[in-house]
Amino acid sequence: MIQRIFGVTGWKNSGKTTLTERLVSELVSRGWKVSTVKHAHHGFDIDKAGTDSFRHREAGAREVAIVSGRRWALMHELDGDEEPALGEILARLAPCDIVLVEGYKQESHIKIEARRRGARDHTPLSQNDPNIIAVAADHPQPHERLPVFDIDDIPTIADFIETSVRLNI
């Protein structure tokens, strides 16, 4: 199966997560199997202190799989190793129609740049990233040469993504 990847990038508070969430919902409603990869710049934990899986990790387990009749998750402790490359993470995902990747500004997959007035920085990322092929913004972008979408026009952005990654083929 061909792995189709489309990214959502932007500065902190630019609306990346909300845009990704809404795109997942729209693409799933169209019948596509969607997976996501979210890059976090800070330490995070999906486990809670006191749970059995947390206790396994605290005891030194390098990987802990949690499995139930509804879902499963695999947590991997890096223990000082380098953060895995996006390609390594993508290789671990089950087959799907499209993977939406949030963050990963430096990677070479095609992306849409989210821009909101409340973002921490307003420097256009597209100026230095040829893999950004469109912009989704909540305010006018009069000097932008790339296609610009209203950040709330999710159906039109989803159409653009389907065409860009050739989902309809």
Protein backbone atom coordinates (compact mmCIF):
# COMPACT_ATOMS: atom_id res chain seq x y z
CA MET A 1 0.00 0.00 0.00
CA ILE A 2 1.29 3.46 -0.91
CA GLN A 3 1.71 5.62 2.15
CA ARG A 4 0.23 9.04 1.53
CA ILE A 5 1.49 11.73 3.87
CA PHE A 6 0.31 15.30 4.26
CA GLY A 7 1.59 17.70 6.90
CA VAL A 8 0.14 20.54 8.93
CA THR A 9 2.85 22.91 10.08
CA GLY A 10 3.07 26.35 11.62
CA TRP A 11 4.31 28.31 14.58
CA LYS A 12 3.10 27.77 18.15
CA ASN A 13 -0.56 28.80 18.55
CA SER A 14 -1.08 28.94 14.77
CA GLY A 15 -3.98 26.49 14.87
CA LYS A 16 -2.17 23.31 13.80
CA THR A 17 -3.93 20.96 16.21
CA THR A 18 -7.42 22.32 15.58
CA LEU A 19 -6.85 22.20 11.82
CA THR A 20 -5.51 18.63 12.01
CA GLU A 21 -8.41 17.51 14.19
CA ARG A 22 -10.99 19.00 11.85
CA LEU A 23 -9.27 17.53 8.77
CA VAL A 24 -9.22 14.08 10.36
CA SER A 25 -12.95 14.32 11.02
CA GLU A 26 -13.68 15.53 7.48
CA LEU A 27 -11.53 12.91 5.75
CA VAL A 28 -12.95 10.10 7.91
CA SER A 29 -16.49 11.28 7.08
CA ARG A 30 -15.52 10.86 3.40
CA GLY A 31 -14.64 7.23 4.05
CA TRP A 32 -10.85 7.45 4.30
CA LYS A 33 -8.78 5.58 6.89
CA VAL A 34 -6.70 8.30 8.55
CA SER A 35 -3.78 8.08 10.97
CA THR A 36 -1.90 10.95 12.57
CA VAL A 37 1.58 11.65 13.88
CA LYS A 38 2.01 14.59 16.26
CA HIS A 39 5.44 15.96 17.05
CA ALA A 40 5.90 17.33 20.56
CA HIS A 41 8.82 19.61 21.37
CA HIS A 42 8.53 19.00 25.07
CA GLY A 43 8.44 16.01 27.36
CA PHE A 44 5.03 14.38 27.46
CA ASP A 45 3.44 11.37 29.04
CA ILE A 46 0.31 9.50 27.99
CA ASP A 47 0.38 7.38 31.10
CA LYS A 48 -0.80 8.21 34.60
CA ALA A 49 1.15 7.71 37.80
CA GLY A 50 -0.03 4.66 39.68
CA THR A 51 -1.37 2.69 36.70
CA ASP A 52 0.05 -0.76 36.07
CA SER A 53 1.69 0.33 32.80
CA PHE A 54 3.23 3.36 34.52
CA ARG A 55 4.64 1.07 37.19
CA HIS A 56 6.13 -1.21 34.50
CA ARG A 57 7.90 1.78 32.93
CA GLU A 58 9.09 3.06 36.28
CA ALA A 59 10.53 -0.40 36.96
CA GLY A 60 12.66 -0.03 33.82
CA ALA A 61 10.72 -1.61 30.95
CA ARG A 62 11.94 -0.14 27.66
CA GLU A 63 8.63 -0.78 25.91
CA VAL A 64 5.21 -1.25 27.44
CA ALA A 65 2.21 -2.37 25.41
CA ILE A 66 -1.24 -1.79 26.83
CA VAL A 67 -3.90 -3.92 25.18
CA SER A 68 -7.66 -4.16 25.65
CA GLY A 69 -10.63 -5.21 23.59
CA ARG A 70 -11.08 -1.59 22.42
CA ARG A 71 -7.54 -0.33 21.69
CA TRP A 72 -3.86 -0.87 22.21
CA ALA A 73 -0.93 1.45 22.72
CA LEU A 74 2.82 0.98 22.71
CA MET A 75 5.04 3.28 24.74
CA HIS A 76 8.76 3.28 24.07
CA GLU A 77 11.27 4.89 26.41
CA LEU A 78 14.20 6.48 24.58
CA ASP A 79 16.48 6.33 27.63
CA GLY A 80 18.88 8.85 26.12
CA ASP A 81 18.66 7.56 22.54
CA GLU A 82 17.98 10.00 19.72
CA GLU A 83 14.40 10.87 18.85
CA PRO A 84 13.35 8.57 16.00
CA ALA A 85 13.04 10.06 12.54
CA LEU A 86 9.58 10.57 11.11
CA GLY A 87 10.16 7.71 8.67
CA GLU A 88 10.76 5.29 11.53
CA ILE A 89 7.48 6.30 13.15
CA LEU A 90 5.58 6.08 9.86
CA ALA A 91 6.95 2.55 9.34
CA ARG A 92 5.32 1.46 12.63
CA LEU A 93 1.83 2.60 11.63
CA ALA A 94 -0.78 0.17 10.34
CA PRO A 95 -1.81 0.62 6.70
CA CYS A 96 -4.21 3.51 6.09
CA ASP A 97 -5.27 5.83 3.28
CA ILE A 98 -3.48 8.92 4.56
CA VAL A 99 -1.28 9.99 7.46
CA LEU A 100 -1.67 13.57 8.64
CA VAL A 101 1.55 14.76 10.25
CA GLU A 102 1.33 17.67 12.68
CA GLY A 103 4.56 19.56 13.24
CA TYR A 104 7.84 18.23 11.85
CA LYS A 105 8.72 21.55 10.20
CA GLN A 106 12.06 20.26 8.91
CA GLU A 107 10.79 17.12 7.17
CA SER A 108 10.34 16.90 3.40
CA HIS A 109 6.72 15.76 3.06
CA ILE A 110 4.19 18.16 1.52
CA LYS A 111 2.47 20.45 4.01
CA ILE A 112 -0.04 23.20 4.57
CA GLU A 113 1.04 26.07 6.80
CA ALA A 114 -1.45 27.20 9.45
CA ARG A 115 -1.43 30.93 10.22
CA ARG A 116 -3.50 32.59 12.93
CA ARG A 117 -3.34 36.11 14.29
CA GLY A 118 -2.59 34.69 17.76
CA ALA A 119 0.49 32.72 16.68
CA ARG A 120 3.74 33.22 18.55
CA ASP A 121 5.59 34.12 15.35
CA HIS A 122 4.26 35.49 12.05
CA THR A 123 7.28 34.83 9.84
CA PRO A 124 6.00 32.76 6.91
CA LEU A 125 7.55 29.29 7.01
CA SER A 126 6.76 28.86 3.31
CA GLN A 127 9.55 31.28 2.38
CA ASN A 128 12.17 28.69 3.34
CA ASP A 129 10.30 25.41 2.85
CA PRO A 130 9.52 24.32 -0.72
CA ASN A 131 7.43 21.45 0.70
CA ILE A 132 4.78 23.89 1.95
CA ILE A 133 2.30 23.93 -0.90
CA ALA A 134 -0.55 25.96 0.61
CA VAL A 135 -1.55 28.20 3.51
CA ALA A 136 -4.59 28.07 5.79
CA ALA A 137 -5.11 31.41 7.53
CA ASP A 138 -7.63 33.33 9.60
CA HIS A 139 -6.57 36.66 8.11
CA PRO A 140 -5.71 37.99 4.62
CA GLN A 141 -2.39 36.94 3.06
CA PRO A 142 -2.02 39.57 0.33
CA HIS A 143 1.61 38.79 -0.60
CA GLU A 144 1.41 35.00 -0.48
CA ARG A 145 2.10 33.23 -3.79
CA LEU A 146 0.82 29.83 -2.65
CA PRO A 147 -2.86 28.88 -2.59
CA VAL A 148 -4.49 30.40 0.52
CA PHE A 149 -7.52 28.86 2.22
CA ASP A 150 -9.67 30.16 5.02
CA ILE A 151 -8.52 28.08 7.99
CA ASP A 152 -12.18 27.28 8.76
CA ASP A 153 -13.01 26.07 5.22
CA ILE A 154 -12.29 22.45 6.08
CA PRO A 155 -14.14 20.84 3.12
CA THR A 156 -12.14 22.88 0.59
CA ILE A 157 -8.84 22.16 2.37
CA ALA A 158 -9.74 18.45 2.46
CA ASP A 159 -10.47 18.57 -1.29
CA PHE A 160 -7.03 20.12 -1.82
CA ILE A 161 -5.37 17.41 0.29
CA GLU A 162 -7.19 14.62 -1.57
CA THR A 163 -5.95 16.03 -4.86
CA SER A 164 -2.43 16.71 -3.60
CA VAL A 165 -1.85 13.18 -2.30
CA ARG A 166 -3.92 11.59 -5.05
CA LEU A 167 -6.38 9.94 -2.67
CA ASN A 168 -9.04 9.74 -5.35
CA ILE A 169 -6.92 7.55 -7.63
